[in-house]
Amino acid sequence: MSADDLATSGKVAPGPWVFPVPTLGDRRAEVSDGWGSPRRNPDGSRRLHLGVDVMFRRRSRNDLIDVFKPGTPHGTAHYFMPDNVPALAVAAGVVVFADWTARGFTVRIRHANGWTSRYTHLALLAVQKEQRVIAGQPIGSIGWDPTDRRRLMHLHFELWRGSTGRAAVNPKPYLDAWQHRAIEWASPRNASAFRSPGKSGERYPAWLQALGDKSGAYAIRERKGGKTITRYVGHSYTGRLYDALTRHMQVWFRHKDFPKGQPGNGNDPGIMYDRDRVEIAVAVTKPNAAAAEKSRLIRTLRPTDNVHGQPREEAA
């Protein structure tokens, strides 16, 4: 049965369509805020929620509150969202948009029979425009809406019908029928979050150039001897994330006496890496959140070339 048949019949079969958030053990994500709920724009104007928000529901009042505390980016009284959860393509299709927007990184995928799915509030992208994807493929890492003071992590998902992609439909009946999948999560150590900056001498890819006026944190990992090693975590809080990141690959500008682990200062780019051997993950944030995100990534990834910010080893 095609997507059109499903829509006209009022029933949705799982078929090749999958839920856009993977399972967490025996937990399934669900709609935490539904279609048509009232919203207020940053300028104070009102709008309707033309999609749904997806999170994991707590099983009881105290369920996981020590891990994902209510009132933090990780949770509310009734729902929670861990770090580094991937958003999944709900069906096979072609990526028609994958870029930063005012609501975070956003992906739109065009599917068969005139359907388009939209995913936003992503912290990282794992796909690019014109890329073909399959059902269940990670397309990015779930983050939060940059305009939300709470910074509540969740996936905003929309489903659109028609050749123009302008007729939003309530996705919940579809989500209720789609298949839930368990996959290896796209943590910052996973290649679905890291991407190549291109080969030496080539123009930097569009996703990297798009960081020109952004703030945030980045991680650089290196392929060496059959292993992948996280080397460095840096940040920019002045809207120069592109410059801060690409300076690490300007090998002709290397300062031979630069101490290992020291960041760049003035005209010195700091630690340098072979562009042909590295991959990069980026988390775009508000300027005042960039340093905190850098600290979190250092604690999580334990990069070899960051001297400051490493968690202290426990005494034996």
Protein backbone atom coordinates (compact mmCIF):
# COMPACT_ATOMS: atom_id res chain seq x y z
CA MET A 1 0.00 0.00 0.00
CA SER A 2 1.38 3.39 -0.96
CA ALA A 3 1.62 6.45 1.27
CA ASP A 4 -1.29 7.99 -0.61
CA ASP A 5 -3.43 4.90 -0.03
CA LEU A 6 -2.59 5.01 3.64
CA ALA A 7 -3.61 8.64 3.90
CA THR A 8 -6.92 8.25 2.10
CA SER A 9 -7.84 5.10 3.99
CA GLY A 10 -7.16 6.72 7.34
CA LYS A 11 -4.87 3.85 8.29
CA VAL A 12 -1.10 3.73 8.27
CA ALA A 13 0.78 0.47 7.91
CA PRO A 14 4.40 0.17 9.04
CA GLY A 15 5.68 -0.82 5.59
CA PRO A 16 9.11 0.72 4.96
CA TRP A 17 8.43 3.67 7.30
CA VAL A 18 10.15 3.90 10.69
CA PHE A 19 9.80 6.05 13.80
CA PRO A 20 12.24 9.02 13.69
CA VAL A 21 13.85 8.32 17.10
CA PRO A 22 15.46 4.95 17.98
CA THR A 23 14.55 2.93 21.04
CA LEU A 24 16.42 3.30 24.34
CA GLY A 25 16.71 -0.27 25.58
CA ASP A 26 13.10 -1.32 26.09
CA ARG A 27 11.86 2.28 25.96
CA ARG A 28 10.17 3.80 22.93
CA ALA A 29 10.12 7.50 22.25
CA GLU A 30 6.70 9.08 21.80
CA VAL A 31 4.97 12.38 21.09
CA SER A 32 5.55 14.75 24.00
CA ASP A 33 3.80 17.78 22.47
CA GLY A 34 1.23 17.31 19.76
CA TRP A 35 -0.11 18.79 16.58
CA GLY A 36 -1.86 22.15 16.71
CA SER A 37 -0.77 23.20 20.18
CA PRO A 38 -0.37 27.00 20.56
CA ARG A 39 3.07 28.53 20.19
CA ARG A 40 4.53 31.99 20.62
CA ASN A 41 7.24 33.32 18.30
CA PRO A 42 10.26 35.25 19.64
CA ASP A 43 8.57 38.49 18.52
CA GLY A 44 5.49 37.68 20.61
CA SER A 45 3.20 36.67 17.73
CA ARG A 46 1.22 33.46 17.97
CA ARG A 47 1.31 30.39 15.76
CA LEU A 48 0.20 26.77 15.73
CA HIS A 49 2.48 23.78 16.17
CA LEU A 50 2.46 22.24 12.68
CA GLY A 51 4.25 19.11 13.79
CA VAL A 52 4.99 17.09 16.92
CA ASP A 53 7.79 16.98 19.48
CA VAL A 54 9.30 13.61 20.36
CA MET A 55 10.94 12.57 23.65
CA PHE A 56 11.04 9.57 26.02
CA ARG A 57 8.32 9.37 28.70
CA ARG A 58 9.22 8.76 32.33
CA ARG A 59 7.65 5.61 33.76
CA SER A 60 7.08 7.17 37.13
CA ARG A 61 7.49 10.48 38.88
CA ASN A 62 11.04 9.64 39.97
CA ASP A 63 12.09 7.67 36.90
CA LEU A 64 15.67 8.63 35.92
CA ILE A 65 15.38 12.06 37.55
CA ASP A 66 18.94 11.77 38.89
CA VAL A 67 20.25 11.21 35.36
CA PHE A 68 17.94 13.42 33.30
CA LYS A 69 16.84 16.05 35.77
CA PRO A 70 13.58 17.96 35.24
CA GLY A 71 14.15 21.61 34.47
CA THR A 72 17.42 20.93 32.61
CA PRO A 73 17.97 20.54 28.85
CA HIS A 74 17.59 16.80 29.39
CA GLY A 75 14.09 16.68 30.76
CA THR A 76 10.77 17.83 32.13
CA ALA A 77 8.62 16.35 34.87
CA HIS A 78 7.20 13.78 32.43
CA TYR A 79 9.72 13.40 29.59
CA PHE A 80 13.48 13.20 29.01
CA MET A 81 16.05 13.10 26.21
CA PRO A 82 19.66 11.86 26.57
CA ASP A 83 22.66 13.34 24.78
CA ASN A 84 23.65 12.26 21.27
CA VAL A 85 20.40 10.54 20.26
CA PRO A 86 20.21 10.35 16.46
CA ALA A 87 17.22 11.41 14.42
CA LEU A 88 16.33 8.76 11.83
CA ALA A 89 15.02 9.12 8.30
CA VAL A 90 11.45 7.81 8.41
CA ALA A 91 11.64 6.39 4.88
CA ALA A 92 13.89 6.21 1.85
CA GLY A 93 14.24 9.46 -0.05
CA VAL A 94 16.45 12.34 -1.13
CA VAL A 95 17.65 15.10 1.20
CA VAL A 96 16.40 18.40 -0.24
CA PHE A 97 17.59 20.59 2.63
CA ALA A 98 20.26 20.12 5.31
CA ASP A 99 21.54 23.31 6.90
CA TRP A 100 21.48 25.60 9.90
CA THR A 101 18.28 27.56 10.56
CA ALA A 102 17.08 29.80 13.38
CA ARG A 103 15.65 26.65 15.02
CA GLY A 104 18.85 24.61 14.82
CA PHE A 105 20.11 22.32 12.11
CA THR A 106 17.19 21.21 9.94
CA VAL A 107 16.74 18.38 7.44
CA ARG A 108 14.00 17.89 4.85
CA ILE A 109 13.68 14.61 2.97
CA ARG A 110 11.51 14.09 -0.10
CA HIS A 111 9.95 10.63 -0.29
CA ALA A 112 7.88 8.76 -2.87
CA ASN A 113 4.27 9.66 -3.63
CA GLY A 114 4.61 13.34 -2.80
CA TRP A 115 5.59 13.05 0.88
CA THR A 116 8.19 15.19 2.65
CA SER A 117 9.47 14.76 6.21
CA ARG A 118 11.10 17.56 8.20
CA TYR A 119 13.34 17.29 11.26
CA THR A 120 14.63 20.24 13.27
CA HIS A 121 16.37 21.24 16.54
CA LEU A 122 19.32 19.07 15.48
CA ALA A 123 22.70 19.71 17.11
CA LEU A 124 24.69 17.96 14.37
CA LEU A 125 24.10 16.96 10.76
CA ALA A 126 25.00 13.55 9.35
CA VAL A 127 23.66 14.11 5.81
CA GLN A 128 23.93 16.75 3.10
CA LYS A 129 21.70 18.11 0.36
CA GLU A 130 20.96 15.76 -2.57
CA GLN A 131 22.12 12.73 -0.57
CA ARG A 132 19.99 9.60 -0.85
CA VAL A 133 18.99 7.99 2.44
CA ILE A 134 17.26 4.79 3.49
CA ALA A 135 14.63 4.22 6.15
CA GLY A 136 16.17 4.31 9.62
CA GLN A 137 19.40 6.04 8.55
CA PRO A 138 20.78 8.54 11.10
CA ILE A 139 20.51 12.06 9.68
CA GLY A 140 21.73 14.08 12.67
CA SER A 141 21.95 14.32 16.44
CA ILE A 142 18.99 15.66 18.44
CA GLY A 143 19.55 18.99 20.20
CA TRP A 144 17.34 21.91 21.18
CA ASP A 145 15.65 24.98 19.72
CA PRO A 146 18.13 27.90 19.96
CA THR A 147 15.19 30.25 20.58
CA ASP A 148 14.05 28.21 23.61
CA ARG A 149 15.36 29.60 26.89
CA ARG A 150 15.00 26.16 28.46
CA ARG A 151 17.23 24.55 25.80
CA LEU A 152 15.03 21.46 26.13
CA MET A 153 16.39 18.65 23.96
CA HIS A 154 13.78 17.08 21.70
CA LEU A 155 13.08 16.30 18.07
CA HIS A 156 10.55 18.43 16.22
CA PHE A 157 9.09 16.33 13.40
CA GLU A 158 6.77 17.36 10.57
CA LEU A 159 5.12 15.47 7.73
CA TRP A 160 4.09 17.27 4.54
CA ARG A 161 2.05 16.05 1.61
CA GLY A 162 1.88 17.26 -1.99
CA SER A 163 4.32 18.11 -4.76
CA THR A 164 4.90 21.60 -3.34
CA GLY A 165 5.58 20.26 0.16
CA ARG A 166 3.28 22.90 1.64
CA ALA A 167 0.43 20.83 3.08
CA ALA A 168 1.33 19.83 6.63
CA VAL A 169 -0.55 16.86 8.08
CA ASN A 170 -0.81 15.59 11.64
CA PRO A 171 1.97 12.99 11.82
CA LYS A 172 0.83 11.27 15.01
CA PRO A 173 -1.43 8.62 13.39
CA TYR A 174 1.48 7.71 11.16
CA LEU A 175 4.00 7.67 14.00
CA ASP A 176 1.72 5.38 16.00
CA ALA A 177 1.92 2.78 13.23
CA TRP A 178 5.52 3.10 12.12
CA GLN A 179 8.19 0.61 13.13
CA HIS A 180 10.47 1.38 16.08
CA ARG A 181 14.11 0.49 15.58
CA ALA A 182 17.06 -0.07 17.87
CA ILE A 183 20.38 1.09 16.44
CA GLU A 184 23.82 2.02 17.72
CA TRP A 185 23.45 5.59 18.83
CA ALA A 186 25.25 8.36 16.96
CA SER A 187 27.40 9.59 19.81
CA PRO A 188 30.22 12.06 19.09
CA ARG A 189 32.49 9.02 18.69
CA ASN A 190 30.35 7.69 15.86
CA ALA A 191 31.04 8.39 12.20
CA SER A 192 27.45 9.49 11.68
CA ALA A 193 28.26 12.62 13.68
CA PHE A 194 31.75 13.19 12.29
CA ARG A 195 32.32 14.25 8.69
CA SER A 196 35.27 14.76 6.40
CA PRO A 197 36.40 18.36 5.75
CA GLY A 198 37.41 17.31 2.24
CA LYS A 199 40.84 16.69 0.79
CA SER A 200 43.78 19.07 0.96
CA GLY A 201 43.63 21.68 -1.78
CA GLU A 202 39.88 21.30 -2.30
CA ARG A 203 37.27 23.89 -1.42
CA TYR A 204 35.79 23.22 2.00
CA PRO A 205 32.36 21.50 1.79
CA ALA A 206 29.17 23.53 2.07
CA TRP A 207 28.30 22.28 5.57
CA LEU A 208 31.61 23.64 6.86
CA GLN A 209 31.36 26.95 5.00
CA ALA A 210 27.91 27.45 6.54
CA LEU A 211 29.59 27.87 9.94
CA GLY A 212 31.06 31.25 8.94
CA ASP A 213 28.85 33.33 11.24
CA LYS A 214 28.06 30.65 13.84
CA SER A 215 29.23 30.03 17.39
CA GLY A 216 29.69 26.64 18.99
CA ALA A 217 32.11 23.81 19.73
CA TYR A 218 33.87 21.30 17.53
CA ALA A 219 35.78 18.03 17.89
CA ILE A 220 38.56 16.81 15.61
CA ARG A 221 39.44 13.15 15.36
CA GLU A 222 42.25 11.55 13.37
CA ARG A 223 42.54 8.24 11.55
CA LYS A 224 45.91 6.71 12.34
CA GLY A 225 47.22 3.15 12.17
CA GLY A 226 43.77 1.67 11.67
CA LYS A 227 42.43 3.50 14.72
CA THR A 228 40.37 6.66 15.16
CA ILE A 229 41.60 8.98 17.91
CA THR A 230 39.84 12.09 19.19
CA ARG A 231 42.55 14.75 19.10
CA TYR A 232 41.17 18.17 19.92
CA VAL A 233 38.06 20.04 21.04
CA GLY A 234 37.74 23.78 20.47
CA HIS A 235 35.08 26.48 20.31
CA SER A 236 34.17 29.96 19.08
CA TYR A 237 31.83 32.35 20.89
CA THR A 238 32.30 35.26 18.46
CA GLY A 239 30.49 33.90 15.40
CA ARG A 240 33.71 32.66 13.78
CA LEU A 241 33.33 28.91 14.09
CA TYR A 242 34.48 28.36 10.50
CA ASP A 243 37.70 30.32 11.05
CA ALA A 244 38.41 28.67 14.40
CA LEU A 245 37.97 25.21 12.93
CA THR A 246 39.73 25.52 9.59
CA ARG A 247 42.84 27.10 11.08
CA HIS A 248 43.74 23.65 12.40
CA MET A 249 44.15 22.44 8.81
CA GLN A 250 46.27 25.31 7.45
CA VAL A 251 49.47 23.32 7.57
CA TRP A 252 51.50 25.97 5.73
CA PHE A 253 50.83 28.30 8.67
CA ARG A 254 52.23 25.97 11.29
CA HIS A 255 54.28 27.37 14.15
CA LYS A 256 57.07 24.86 14.70
CA ASP A 257 57.53 25.71 18.37
CA PHE A 258 53.86 25.63 19.39
CA PRO A 259 53.49 23.59 22.62
CA LYS A 260 51.20 20.61 22.38
CA GLY A 261 47.74 21.42 23.70
CA GLN A 262 48.09 25.20 23.57
CA PRO A 263 45.30 27.00 21.68
CA GLY A 264 46.03 29.47 18.91
CA ASN A 265 46.64 33.10 19.77
CA GLY A 266 46.85 36.14 17.53
CA ASN A 267 48.05 35.04 14.13
CA ASP A 268 49.16 31.58 15.30
CA PRO A 269 46.65 28.84 14.43
CA GLY A 270 47.56 26.50 17.27
CA ILE A 271 47.61 22.73 16.84
CA MET A 272 47.60 21.56 13.22
CA TYR A 273 46.26 18.38 11.64
CA ASP A 274 46.47 16.70 8.24
CA ARG A 275 43.18 17.49 6.54
CA ASP A 276 43.27 14.20 4.62
CA ARG A 277 43.27 12.20 7.86
CA VAL A 278 40.76 13.99 10.07
CA GLU A 279 37.00 14.09 10.59
CA ILE A 280 35.06 16.83 12.35
CA ALA A 281 31.91 17.03 14.47
CA VAL A 282 30.28 20.38 15.19
CA ALA A 283 27.72 21.52 17.77
CA VAL A 284 26.32 24.96 16.93
CA THR A 285 25.21 26.87 20.03
CA LYS A 286 24.40 30.34 21.22
CA PRO A 287 27.58 32.39 21.78
CA ASN A 288 27.26 32.25 25.57
CA ALA A 289 26.87 28.45 25.50
CA ALA A 290 29.90 27.62 23.34
CA ALA A 291 32.44 27.36 26.17
CA ALA A 292 30.19 25.09 28.22
CA GLU A 293 29.66 22.81 25.22
CA LYS A 294 33.43 22.65 24.69
CA SER A 295 33.93 21.66 28.33
CA ARG A 296 31.27 18.96 28.04
CA LEU A 297 32.88 17.50 24.92
CA ILE A 298 36.31 17.46 26.54
CA ARG A 299 34.94 15.57 29.54
CA THR A 300 33.10 13.15 27.27
CA LEU A 301 35.63 12.55 24.50
CA ARG A 302 38.94 12.93 26.41
CA PRO A 303 40.83 14.41 23.42
CA THR A 304 44.57 13.75 23.45
CA ASP A 305 45.70 17.30 22.63
CA ASN A 306 43.64 19.34 25.10
CA VAL A 307 45.71 20.07 28.19
CA HIS A 308 43.07 22.03 30.07
CA GLY A 309 39.59 20.83 31.01
CA GLN A 310 40.36 17.11 31.26
CA PRO A 311 38.57 15.36 34.13
CA ARG A 312 40.89 14.45 36.97
CA GLU A 313 41.75 10.80 37.36
CA GLU A 314 40.44 9.26 40.56
CA ALA A 315 43.04 8.36 43.13
CA ALA A 316 43.93 4.71 43.17
